[in-house]
Protein backbone atom coordinates (compact mmCIF):
# COMPACT_ATOMS: atom_id res chain seq x y z
CA MET A 1 0.24 -0.21 -0.51
CA PRO A 2 0.99 3.22 -0.73
CA ILE A 3 2.18 5.91 2.22
CA ILE A 4 2.02 9.41 0.70
CA LYS A 5 -0.94 10.70 0.40
CA SER A 6 -0.61 11.73 -3.73
CA ALA A 7 0.23 8.07 -4.18
CA LYS A 8 -3.05 7.32 -2.10
CA LYS A 9 -4.61 9.50 -4.79
CA ARG A 10 -3.64 7.98 -7.52
CA VAL A 11 -4.52 4.32 -6.32
CA LYS A 12 -8.76 6.04 -5.93
CA VAL A 13 -8.49 7.07 -9.29
CA ALA A 14 -7.08 4.64 -11.50
CA ARG A 15 -9.53 2.30 -9.43
CA LYS A 16 -12.42 4.53 -10.54
CA ALA A 17 -10.99 4.42 -14.03
CA THR A 18 -10.47 1.03 -14.21
CA THR A 19 -13.80 0.56 -13.65
CA ARG A 20 -15.61 3.55 -16.70
CA ASN A 21 -12.97 2.32 -18.97
CA VAL A 22 -14.62 -1.57 -18.16
CA LYS A 23 -17.79 -0.51 -18.22
CA THR A 24 -17.13 1.18 -21.54
CA LYS A 25 -15.17 -2.08 -23.26
CA ARG A 26 -18.56 -4.29 -21.91
CA SER A 27 -21.22 -1.80 -23.60
CA LEU A 28 -19.16 -2.12 -26.74
CA LYS A 29 -18.91 -6.02 -26.68
CA THR A 30 -22.65 -6.40 -26.18
CA ALA A 31 -23.30 -3.76 -28.87
CA LEU A 32 -21.02 -5.75 -31.42
CA LYS A 33 -22.39 -8.90 -30.45
CA SER A 34 -25.56 -8.07 -31.35
CA PHE A 35 -24.71 -6.69 -34.29
CA HIS A 36 -23.72 -9.79 -35.44
CA ALA A 37 -26.46 -11.48 -34.06
CA SER A 38 -28.67 -8.98 -35.98
CA LEU A 39 -26.87 -10.21 -39.45
CA THR A 40 -27.95 -13.72 -38.96
CA THR A 41 -31.01 -13.44 -38.21
CA GLY A 42 -32.29 -9.77 -39.85
CA LYS A 43 -34.04 -8.09 -37.38
CA LYS A 44 -32.70 -4.94 -36.42
CA THR A 45 -29.63 -4.42 -38.91
CA ASN A 46 -30.07 -1.34 -39.19
CA GLU A 47 -30.06 -0.59 -35.41
CA ALA A 48 -28.05 -2.47 -34.01
CA HIS A 49 -25.82 -1.26 -36.36
CA SER A 50 -26.13 2.40 -35.71
CA LYS A 51 -25.67 1.58 -31.79
CA ALA A 52 -22.47 -0.61 -32.66
CA GLN A 53 -20.92 2.95 -34.05
CA SER A 54 -22.11 4.57 -31.33
CA ALA A 55 -20.38 2.48 -29.11
CA LEU A 56 -17.39 2.42 -30.81
CA ASP A 57 -17.51 6.46 -30.87
CA LYS A 58 -17.83 6.46 -26.92
CA ALA A 59 -15.11 4.53 -26.55
CA GLY A 60 -12.43 6.31 -28.76
CA LYS A 61 -14.04 9.50 -27.16
CA LYS A 62 -12.95 8.14 -23.60
CA ASN A 63 -9.79 7.39 -24.66
CA VAL A 64 -10.38 3.19 -24.34
CA MET A 65 -9.48 2.21 -28.22
CA HIS A 66 -7.05 4.61 -30.31
CA LYS A 67 -8.81 6.13 -32.89
CA ASN A 68 -7.00 4.05 -36.19
CA LYS A 69 -8.70 0.92 -34.49
CA ILE A 70 -12.08 2.34 -33.69
CA ALA A 71 -11.92 3.52 -37.45
CA ARG A 72 -11.13 -0.15 -38.88
CA LYS A 73 -13.80 -1.16 -36.65
CA LYS A 74 -16.35 0.91 -38.00
CA LYS A 75 -15.09 0.14 -41.64
CA GLN A 76 -15.39 -3.72 -40.73
CA LEU A 77 -19.28 -3.19 -39.30
CA ALA A 78 -19.74 -1.10 -42.55
CA VAL A 79 -18.92 -3.82 -44.94
CA ALA A 80 -20.45 -7.21 -42.91
CA ALA A 81 -24.00 -4.21 -43.25
CA LYS A 82 -23.31 -3.92 -46.98
CA LYS A 83 -22.53 -7.66 -47.24
CA ALA A 84 -26.10 -8.65 -45.79
CA GLY A 85 -27.99 -5.84 -47.66
CA VAL A 86 -28.47 -3.60 -45.14
CA LYS A 87 -29.09 0.23 -45.78
CA THR A 88 -26.99 2.62 -43.63
CA ALA A 89 -27.55 5.77 -43.02
CA GLY A 90 -24.33 6.59 -44.70
CA SER A 91 -25.55 4.58 -47.44
CA ALA A 92 -28.18 6.52 -47.47
CA LYS A 93 -27.07 9.33 -48.04
CA LYS A 94 -24.35 9.15 -50.80
CA THR A 95 -27.08 7.83 -52.65
CA ALA A 96 -29.67 10.94 -52.18
CA SER A 97 -26.77 13.18 -53.04
CA LYS A 98 -25.98 11.60 -56.43
CA ALA A 99 -30.05 12.51 -57.65
CA PRO A 100 -29.70 14.99 -60.08
CA ALA A 101 -30.30 19.03 -59.05
CA LYS A 102 -34.00 19.53 -60.31
CA LYS A 103 -32.81 23.63 -60.92
CA ALA A 104 -29.48 25.39 -61.94
CA ALA A 105 -29.31 28.54 -58.83
CA PRO A 106 -30.16 31.72 -60.53
CA ALA A 107 -26.74 34.11 -61.99
CA LYS A 108 -25.88 36.23 -59.50
CA LYS A 109 -25.63 40.13 -61.04
CA PRO A 110 -21.66 41.19 -61.16
CA ALA A 111 -20.49 43.30 -58.32
CA ALA A 112 -20.35 46.74 -59.03
CA ALA A 113 -17.01 47.88 -59.93
CA LYS A 114 -15.62 49.85 -56.36
CA LYS A 115 -13.92 52.42 -56.73
CA PRO A 116 -10.45 52.78 -55.38
CA ALA A 117 -10.12 54.76 -52.21
CA ALA A 118 -9.02 58.43 -52.26
CA LYS A 119 -5.52 59.19 -50.67
CA LYS A 120 -4.73 61.44 -48.46
CA ALA A 121 -2.31 64.24 -48.68
CA PRO A 122 1.13 63.90 -47.26
CA ALA A 123 1.39 65.60 -43.83
CA LYS A 124 3.41 68.57 -43.72
CA LYS A 125 7.04 68.44 -42.34
CA ALA A 126 7.19 70.99 -39.41
CA THR A 127 10.93 73.18 -39.89
CA LYS A 128 12.53 74.21 -37.05
CA LYS A 129 12.88 78.02 -37.22
């Protein structure tokens, strides 16, 4: 056991952080498992996908996992969802943006030419007498 007061506090803080990290990891694992289970059953896959991505984002925000690992896992989830034929929120946005525009925006009028700023006359120098 630590003797110094600051070391005792470090033990308390580390214990709290450990329990917080364990909870985050546990919720992440359950979200990922439910997503993979929904892929096999085909029920509520879209909802499970969004929950799994949210859990990954939370783990990244709390520095439980490295950001690159989170990005890799999110990509794996998206690939698995696409392979299962699920339309995710990200793919819906992409298809909507590919639709042709209905109307072109009206052309703006050319801006009026600005007059150059008037120059000030140079200040007169004071001469010594």
